[in-house]
């Protein structure tokens, strides 16, 4: 199976002519905008994930405390029995 090489960004995809300086500038500007948008999405998703993870951890600790499985409010468990 023969694969074609990846497209060259300095060439026009329709007729193979070299891009003008204006087209290259617009292409570079668009690339910068896409990278900035991807960076914003990454930070947003990271913040949401950390927030949900923190809430989940807090809920699990609260649930375990209510069920008496943490031992924090049972001082008799940390002392040896007679």
PDB file of N, CA and C in Angstrom:
ATOM      1  N   UNK A   1       0.848  -1.167   0.000  1.00  0.00           N
ATOM      2  CA  UNK A   1       0.000   0.000   0.000  1.00  0.00           C
ATOM      3  C   UNK A   1       0.897   1.235   0.000  1.00  0.00           C
ATOM      4  N   UNK A   2       0.616   2.172  -0.845  1.00  0.00           N
ATOM      5  CA  UNK A   2       1.421   3.377  -0.980  1.00  0.00           C
ATOM      6  C   UNK A   2       0.669   4.541  -0.339  1.00  0.00           C
ATOM      7  N   UNK A   3       1.381   5.245   0.540  1.00  0.00           N
ATOM      8  CA  UNK A   3       0.790   6.402   1.199  1.00  0.00           C
ATOM      9  C   UNK A   3       1.365   7.664   0.579  1.00  0.00           C
ATOM     10  N   UNK A   4       0.505   8.653   0.431  1.00  0.00           N
ATOM     11  CA  UNK A   4       0.991   9.927  -0.090  1.00  0.00           C
ATOM     12  C   UNK A   4       1.621  10.720   1.050  1.00  0.00           C
ATOM     13  N   UNK A   5       2.610  11.553   0.778  1.00  0.00           N
ATOM     14  CA  UNK A   5       3.239  12.343   1.838  1.00  0.00           C
ATOM     15  C   UNK A   5       2.258  13.374   2.377  1.00  0.00           C
ATOM     16  N   UNK A   6       2.477  13.822   3.611  1.00  0.00           N
ATOM     17  CA  UNK A   6       1.583  14.841   4.171  1.00  0.00           C
ATOM     18  C   UNK A   6       1.646  16.115   3.343  1.00  0.00           C
ATOM     19  N   UNK A   7       0.550  16.874   3.323  1.00  0.00           N
ATOM     20  CA  UNK A   7       0.537  18.107   2.525  1.00  0.00           C
ATOM     21  C   UNK A   7       1.533  19.122   3.054  1.00  0.00           C
ATOM     22  N   UNK A   8       2.143  19.832   2.149  1.00  0.00           N
ATOM     23  CA  UNK A   8       3.094  20.879   2.500  1.00  0.00           C
ATOM     24  C   UNK A   8       2.323  22.169   2.747  1.00  0.00           C
ATOM     25  N   UNK A   9       2.380  22.736   3.968  1.00  0.00           N
ATOM     26  CA  UNK A   9       1.590  23.942   4.253  1.00  0.00           C
ATOM     27  C   UNK A   9       2.024  25.161   3.445  1.00  0.00           C
ATOM     28  N   UNK A  10       3.199  25.112   2.849  1.00  0.00           N
ATOM     29  CA  UNK A  10       3.628  26.254   2.054  1.00  0.00           C
ATOM     30  C   UNK A  10       3.089  26.191   0.631  1.00  0.00           C
ATOM     31  N   UNK A  11       2.351  25.152   0.304  1.00  0.00           N
ATOM     32  CA  UNK A  11       1.788  25.002  -1.038  1.00  0.00           C
ATOM     33  C   UNK A  11       0.265  25.077  -0.962  1.00  0.00           C
ATOM     34  N   UNK A  12      -0.331  25.669  -1.957  1.00  0.00           N
ATOM     35  CA  UNK A  12      -1.788  25.743  -2.065  1.00  0.00           C
ATOM     36  C   UNK A  12      -2.301  24.338  -2.362  1.00  0.00           C
ATOM     37  N   UNK A  13      -3.328  23.896  -1.672  1.00  0.00           N
ATOM     38  CA  UNK A  13      -3.823  22.532  -1.818  1.00  0.00           C
ATOM     39  C   UNK A  13      -4.573  22.314  -3.132  1.00  0.00           C
ATOM     40  N   UNK A  14      -5.001  23.370  -3.800  1.00  0.00           N
ATOM     41  CA  UNK A  14      -5.821  23.218  -5.006  1.00  0.00           C
ATOM     42  C   UNK A  14      -4.991  23.092  -6.274  1.00  0.00           C
ATOM     43  N   UNK A  15      -3.999  23.936  -6.446  1.00  0.00           N
ATOM     44  CA  UNK A  15      -3.261  23.893  -7.704  1.00  0.00           C
ATOM     45  C   UNK A  15      -1.755  23.761  -7.529  1.00  0.00           C
ATOM     46  N   UNK A  16      -1.267  23.570  -6.315  1.00  0.00           N
ATOM     47  CA  UNK A  16       0.147  23.360  -6.079  1.00  0.00           C
ATOM     48  C   UNK A  16       0.997  24.610  -6.143  1.00  0.00           C
ATOM     49  N   UNK A  17       0.400  25.780  -6.325  1.00  0.00           N
ATOM     50  CA  UNK A  17       1.173  27.027  -6.391  1.00  0.00           C
ATOM     51  C   UNK A  17       1.628  27.419  -4.993  1.00  0.00           C
ATOM     52  N   UNK A  18       2.750  28.075  -4.920  1.00  0.00           N
ATOM     53  CA  UNK A  18       3.269  28.535  -3.635  1.00  0.00           C
ATOM     54  C   UNK A  18       2.342  29.608  -3.061  1.00  0.00           C
ATOM     55  N   UNK A  19       2.222  29.621  -1.739  1.00  0.00           N
ATOM     56  CA  UNK A  19       1.380  30.618  -1.079  1.00  0.00           C
ATOM     57  C   UNK A  19       2.048  31.985  -1.129  1.00  0.00           C
ATOM     58  N   UNK A  20       1.241  33.002  -1.221  1.00  0.00           N
ATOM     59  CA  UNK A  20       1.768  34.366  -1.181  1.00  0.00           C
ATOM     60  C   UNK A  20       2.098  34.719   0.269  1.00  0.00           C
ATOM     61  N   UNK A  21       2.772  35.828   0.465  1.00  0.00           N
ATOM     62  CA  UNK A  21       3.135  36.271   1.812  1.00  0.00           C
ATOM     63  C   UNK A  21       1.882  36.529   2.645  1.00  0.00           C
ATOM     64  N   UNK A  22       0.856  37.104   2.022  1.00  0.00           N
ATOM     65  CA  UNK A  22      -0.402  37.381   2.739  1.00  0.00           C
ATOM     66  C   UNK A  22      -1.078  36.088   3.174  1.00  0.00           C
ATOM     67  N   UNK A  23      -1.103  35.111   2.300  1.00  0.00           N
ATOM     68  CA  UNK A  23      -1.718  33.829   2.650  1.00  0.00           C
ATOM     69  C   UNK A  23      -0.925  33.129   3.746  1.00  0.00           C
ATOM     70  N   UNK A  24       0.388  33.199   3.682  1.00  0.00           N
ATOM     71  CA  UNK A  24       1.234  32.599   4.717  1.00  0.00           C
ATOM     72  C   UNK A  24       0.996  33.278   6.062  1.00  0.00           C
ATOM     73  N   UNK A  25       0.862  34.603   6.040  1.00  0.00           N
ATOM     74  CA  UNK A  25       0.596  35.345   7.271  1.00  0.00           C
ATOM     75  C   UNK A  25      -0.741  34.937   7.867  1.00  0.00           C
ATOM     76  N   UNK A  26      -1.770  34.832   6.997  1.00  0.00           N
ATOM     77  CA  UNK A  26      -3.095  34.428   7.479  1.00  0.00           C
ATOM     78  C   UNK A  26      -3.069  33.005   8.025  1.00  0.00           C
ATOM     79  N   UNK A  27      -2.331  32.135   7.359  1.00  0.00           N
ATOM     80  CA  UNK A  27      -2.224  30.758   7.821  1.00  0.00           C
ATOM     81  C   UNK A  27      -1.536  30.692   9.180  1.00  0.00           C
ATOM     82  N   UNK A  28      -0.470  31.464   9.361  1.00  0.00           N
ATOM     83  CA  UNK A  28       0.236  31.497  10.641  1.00  0.00           C
ATOM     84  C   UNK A  28      -0.659  32.074  11.739  1.00  0.00           C
ATOM     85  N   UNK A  29      -1.427  33.110  11.411  1.00  0.00           N
ATOM     86  CA  UNK A  29      -2.347  33.714  12.381  1.00  0.00           C
ATOM     87  C   UNK A  29      -3.424  32.717  12.792  1.00  0.00           C
ATOM     88  N   UNK A  30      -3.970  31.995  11.820  1.00  0.00           N
ATOM     89  CA  UNK A  30      -5.005  30.996  12.115  1.00  0.00           C
ATOM     90  C   UNK A  30      -4.436  29.874  12.994  1.00  0.00           C
ATOM     91  N   UNK A  31      -3.204  29.467  12.695  1.00  0.00           N
ATOM     92  CA  UNK A  31      -2.562  28.424  13.497  1.00  0.00           C
ATOM     93  C   UNK A  31      -2.376  28.885  14.937  1.00  0.00           C
ATOM     94  N   UNK A  32      -1.981  30.149  15.116  1.00  0.00           N
ATOM     95  CA  UNK A  32      -1.812  30.701  16.459  1.00  0.00           C
ATOM     96  C   UNK A  32      -3.142  30.730  17.209  1.00  0.00           C
ATOM     97  N   UNK A  33      -4.219  31.113  16.499  1.00  0.00           N
ATOM     98  CA  UNK A  33      -5.535  31.159  17.125  1.00  0.00           C
ATOM     99  C   UNK A  33      -5.999  29.775  17.547  1.00  0.00           C
ATOM    100  N   UNK A  34      -5.769  28.784  16.706  1.00  0.00           N
ATOM    101  CA  UNK A  34      -6.182  27.413  17.025  1.00  0.00           C
ATOM    102  C   UNK A  34      -5.409  26.893  18.235  1.00  0.00           C
ATOM    103  N   UNK A  35      -4.102  27.179  18.295  1.00  0.00           N
ATOM    104  CA  UNK A  35      -3.298  26.750  19.446  1.00  0.00           C
ATOM    105  C   UNK A  35      -3.785  27.418  20.731  1.00  0.00           C
ATOM    106  N   UNK A  36      -4.099  28.713  20.659  1.00  0.00           N
ATOM    107  CA  UNK A  36      -4.604  29.415  21.845  1.00  0.00           C
ATOM    108  C   UNK A  36      -5.934  28.834  22.309  1.00  0.00           C
ATOM    109  N   UNK A  37      -6.813  28.528  21.345  1.00  0.00           N
ATOM    110  CA  UNK A  37      -8.105  27.953  21.704  1.00  0.00           C
ATOM    111  C   UNK A  37      -7.925  26.564  22.324  1.00  0.00           C
ATOM    112  N   UNK A  38      -7.036  25.751  21.777  1.00  0.00           N
ATOM    113  CA  UNK A  38      -6.773  24.425  22.343  1.00  0.00           C
ATOM    114  C   UNK A  38      -6.207  24.555  23.751  1.00  0.00           C
ATOM    115  N   UNK A  39      -5.345  25.529  23.970  1.00  0.00           N
ATOM    116  CA  UNK A  39      -4.770  25.752  25.292  1.00  0.00           C
ATOM    117  C   UNK A  39      -5.853  26.151  26.299  1.00  0.00           C
ATOM    118  N   UNK A  40      -6.764  27.033  25.877  1.00  0.00           N
ATOM    119  CA  UNK A  40      -7.870  27.431  26.771  1.00  0.00           C
ATOM    120  C   UNK A  40      -8.752  26.244  27.124  1.00  0.00           C
ATOM    121  N   UNK A  41      -9.075  25.402  26.127  1.00  0.00           N
ATOM    122  CA  UNK A  41      -9.897  24.220  26.401  1.00  0.00           C
ATOM    123  C   UNK A  41      -9.188  23.270  27.362  1.00  0.00           C
ATOM    124  N   UNK A  42      -7.889  23.084  27.162  1.00  0.00           N
ATOM    125  CA  UNK A  42      -7.122  22.203  28.040  1.00  0.00           C
ATOM    126  C   UNK A  42      -7.181  22.699  29.481  1.00  0.00           C
ATOM    127  N   UNK A  43      -6.952  23.990  29.683  1.00  0.00           N
ATOM    128  CA  UNK A  43      -6.972  24.552  31.034  1.00  0.00           C
ATOM    129  C   UNK A  43      -8.365  24.450  31.642  1.00  0.00           C
ATOM    130  N   UNK A  44      -9.399  24.723  30.856  1.00  0.00           N
ATOM    131  CA  UNK A  44     -10.766  24.625  31.346  1.00  0.00           C
ATOM    132  C   UNK A  44     -11.094  23.194  31.760  1.00  0.00           C
ATOM    133  N   UNK A  45     -10.778  22.231  30.906  1.00  0.00           N
ATOM    134  CA  UNK A  45     -11.072  20.838  31.226  1.00  0.00           C
ATOM    135  C   UNK A  45     -10.251  20.350  32.418  1.00  0.00           C
ATOM    136  N   UNK A  46      -9.020  20.808  32.532  1.00  0.00           N
ATOM    137  CA  UNK A  46      -8.194  20.448  33.680  1.00  0.00           C
ATOM    138  C   UNK A  46      -8.802  20.990  34.970  1.00  0.00           C
ATOM    139  N   UNK A  47      -9.236  22.240  34.950  1.00  0.00           N
ATOM    140  CA  UNK A  47      -9.838  22.848  36.141  1.00  0.00           C
ATOM    141  C   UNK A  47     -11.134  22.138  36.524  1.00  0.00           C
ATOM    142  N   UNK A  48     -11.961  21.822  35.535  1.00  0.00           N
ATOM    143  CA  UNK A  48     -13.215  21.117  35.819  1.00  0.00           C
ATOM    144  C   UNK A  48     -12.921  19.731  36.390  1.00  0.00           C
ATOM    145  N   UNK A  49     -11.957  19.030  35.819  1.00  0.00           N
ATOM    146  CA  UNK A  49     -11.593  17.700  36.308  1.00  0.00           C
ATOM    147  C   UNK A  49     -11.064  17.731  37.729  1.00  0.00           C
ATOM    148  N   UNK A  50     -10.211  18.717  38.011  1.00  0.00           N
ATOM    149  CA  UNK A  50      -9.698  18.840  39.380  1.00  0.00           C
ATOM    150  C   UNK A  50     -10.808  19.185  40.364  1.00  0.00           C
ATOM    151  N   UNK A  51     -11.714  20.048  39.951  1.00  0.00           N
ATOM    152  CA  UNK A  51     -12.841  20.394  40.822  1.00  0.00           C
ATOM    153  C   UNK A  51     -13.741  19.199  41.105  1.00  0.00           C
ATOM    154  N   UNK A  52     -14.087  18.456  40.059  1.00  0.00           N
ATOM    155  CA  UNK A  52     -14.921  17.269  40.259  1.00  0.00           C
ATOM    156  C   UNK A  52     -14.205  16.213  41.083  1.00  0.00           C
ATOM    157  N   UNK A  53     -12.911  16.056  40.867  1.00  0.00           N
ATOM    158  CA  UNK A  53     -12.138  15.100  41.665  1.00  0.00           C
ATOM    159  C   UNK A  53     -12.105  15.489  43.131  1.00  0.00           C
ATOM    160  N   UNK A  54     -11.928  16.782  43.398  1.00  0.00           N
ATOM    161  CA  UNK A  54     -11.937  17.257  44.779  1.00  0.00           C
ATOM    162  C   UNK A  54     -13.282  17.043  45.458  1.00  0.00           C
ATOM    163  N   UNK A  55     -14.362  17.341  44.737  1.00  0.00           N
ATOM    164  CA  UNK A  55     -15.698  17.127  45.303  1.00  0.00           C
ATOM    165  C   UNK A  55     -15.968  15.645  45.553  1.00  0.00           C
ATOM    166  N   UNK A  56     -15.526  14.802  44.645  1.00  0.00           N
ATOM    167  CA  UNK A  56     -15.711  13.358  44.815  1.00  0.00           C
ATOM    168  C   UNK A  56     -14.934  12.860  46.030  1.00  0.00           C
ATOM    169  N   UNK A  57     -13.684  13.298  46.167  1.00  0.00           N
ATOM    170  CA  UNK A  57     -12.879  12.882  47.313  1.00  0.00           C
ATOM    171  C   UNK A  57     -13.518  13.341  48.622  1.00  0.00           C
ATOM    172  N   UNK A  58     -13.981  14.593  48.635  1.00  0.00           N
ATOM    173  CA  UNK A  58     -14.632  15.106  49.843  1.00  0.00           C
ATOM    174  C   UNK A  58     -15.877  14.280  50.169  1.00  0.00           C
ATOM    175  N   UNK A  59     -16.664  13.944  49.142  1.00  0.00           N
ATOM    176  CA  UNK A  59     -17.874  13.144  49.364  1.00  0.00           C
ATOM    177  C   UNK A  59     -17.564  11.752  49.875  1.00  0.00           C
ATOM    178  N   UNK A  60     -16.522  11.129  49.369  1.00  0.00           N
ATOM    179  CA  UNK A  60     -16.148   9.790  49.826  1.00  0.00           C
ATOM    180  C   UNK A  60     -15.692   9.843  51.284  1.00  0.00           C
ATOM    181  N   UNK A  61     -14.878  10.831  51.639  1.00  0.00           N
ATOM    182  CA  UNK A  61     -14.428  10.960  53.029  1.00  0.00           C
ATOM    183  C   UNK A  61     -15.619  11.200  53.945  1.00  0.00           C
ATOM    184  N   UNK A  62     -16.544  12.054  53.499  1.00  0.00           N
ATOM    185  CA  UNK A  62     -17.741  12.338  54.310  1.00  0.00           C
ATOM    186  C   UNK A  62     -18.584  11.073  54.494  1.00  0.00           C
ATOM    187  N   UNK A  63     -18.747  10.306  53.420  1.00  0.00           N
ATOM    188  CA  UNK A  63     -19.529   9.071  53.492  1.00  0.00           C
ATOM    189  C   UNK A  63     -18.869   8.064  54.424  1.00  0.00           C
ATOM    190  N   UNK A  64     -17.562   7.896  54.305  1.00  0.00           N
ATOM    191  CA  UNK A  64     -16.859   6.959  55.179  1.00  0.00           C
ATOM    192  C   UNK A  64     -16.930   7.393  56.639  1.00  0.00           C
ATOM    193  N   UNK A  65     -16.865   8.706  56.878  1.00  0.00           N
ATOM    194  CA  UNK A  65     -16.991   9.199  58.255  1.00  0.00           C
ATOM    195  C   UNK A  65     -18.379   8.920  58.813  1.00  0.00           C
ATOM    196  N   UNK A  66     -19.410   9.141  57.994  1.00  0.00           N
ATOM    197  CA  UNK A  66     -20.779   8.892  58.449  1.00  0.00           C
ATOM    198  C   UNK A  66     -21.033   7.421  58.716  1.00  0.00           C
ATOM    199  N   UNK A  67     -20.355   6.553  57.977  1.00  0.00           N
ATOM    200  CA  UNK A  67     -20.512   5.118  58.195  1.00  0.00           C
ATOM    201  C   UNK A  67     -19.608   4.600  59.308  1.00  0.00           C
ATOM    202  N   UNK A  68     -18.759   5.463  59.845  1.00  0.00           N
ATOM    203  CA  UNK A  68     -17.877   5.076  60.938  1.00  0.00           C
ATOM    204  C   UNK A  68     -16.694   4.228  60.494  1.00  0.00           C
ATOM    205  N   UNK A  69     -16.287   4.365  59.283  1.00  0.00           N
ATOM    206  CA  UNK A  69     -15.206   3.538  58.762  1.00  0.00           C
ATOM    207  C   UNK A  69     -13.844   4.213  58.783  1.00  0.00           C
ATOM    208  N   UNK A  70     -13.779   5.458  59.191  1.00  0.00           N
ATOM    209  CA  UNK A  70     -12.498   6.154  59.181  1.00  0.00           C
ATOM    210  C   UNK A  70     -11.757   6.021  60.492  1.00  0.00           C
ATOM    211  N   UNK A  71     -12.452   5.809  61.589  1.00  0.00           N
ATOM    212  CA  UNK A  71     -11.804   5.664  62.883  1.00  0.00           C
ATOM    213  C   UNK A  71     -11.392   6.979  63.500  1.00  0.00           C
ATOM    214  N   UNK A  72     -11.649   8.092  62.841  1.00  0.00           N
ATOM    215  CA  UNK A  72     -11.208   9.377  63.365  1.00  0.00           C
ATOM    216  C   UNK A  72     -12.029   9.805  64.585  1.00  0.00           C
ATOM    217  N   UNK A  73     -13.307   9.479  64.614  1.00  0.00           N
ATOM    218  CA  UNK A  73     -14.118   9.861  65.771  1.00  0.00           C
ATOM    219  C   UNK A  73     -14.400   8.655  66.663  1.00  0.00           C
ATOM    220  N   UNK A  74     -13.521   7.668  66.633  1.00  0.00           N
ATOM    221  CA  UNK A  74     -13.628   6.513  67.519  1.00  0.00           C
ATOM    222  C   UNK A  74     -12.298   6.341  68.247  1.00  0.00           C
ATOM    223  N   UNK A  75     -12.073   7.105  69.323  1.00  0.00           N
ATOM    224  CA  UNK A  75     -10.767   7.092  69.977  1.00  0.00           C
ATOM    225  C   UNK A  75     -10.404   5.730  70.562  1.00  0.00           C
ATOM    226  N   UNK A  76     -11.351   4.894  70.844  1.00  0.00           N
ATOM    227  CA  UNK A  76     -11.071   3.579  71.413  1.00  0.00           C
ATOM    228  C   UNK A  76     -10.324   2.661  70.463  1.00  0.00           C
ATOM    229  N   UNK A  77     -10.423   2.888  69.179  1.00  0.00           N
ATOM    230  CA  UNK A  77      -9.764   2.019  68.217  1.00  0.00           C
ATOM    231  C   UNK A  77      -8.258   2.243  68.172  1.00  0.00           C
ATOM    232  N   UNK A  78      -7.788   3.446  68.498  1.00  0.00           N
ATOM    233  CA  UNK A  78      -6.361   3.715  68.424  1.00  0.00           C
ATOM    234  C   UNK A  78      -5.630   3.282  69.692  1.00  0.00           C
ATOM    235  N   UNK A  79      -6.358   2.932  70.764  1.00  0.00           N
ATOM    236  CA  UNK A  79      -5.742   2.497  72.012  1.00  0.00           C
ATOM    237  C   UNK A  79      -5.813   0.980  72.100  1.00  0.00           C
ATOM    238  N   UNK A  80      -4.791   0.366  72.669  1.00  0.00           N
ATOM    239  CA  UNK A  80      -4.845  -1.102  72.802  1.00  0.00           C
ATOM    240  C   UNK A  80      -5.959  -1.521  73.750  1.00  0.00           C
ATOM    241  N   UNK A  81      -6.572  -2.639  73.441  1.00  0.00           N
ATOM    242  CA  UNK A  81      -7.664  -3.148  74.281  1.00  0.00           C
ATOM    243  C   UNK A  81      -7.085  -3.973  75.426  1.00  0.00           C
ATOM    244  N   UNK A  82      -7.782  -3.945  76.596  1.00  0.00           N
ATOM    245  CA  UNK A  82      -7.367  -4.722  77.779  1.00  0.00           C
ATOM    246  C   UNK A  82      -8.082  -6.017  77.856  1.00  0.00           C
TER     247      UNK A  82
END
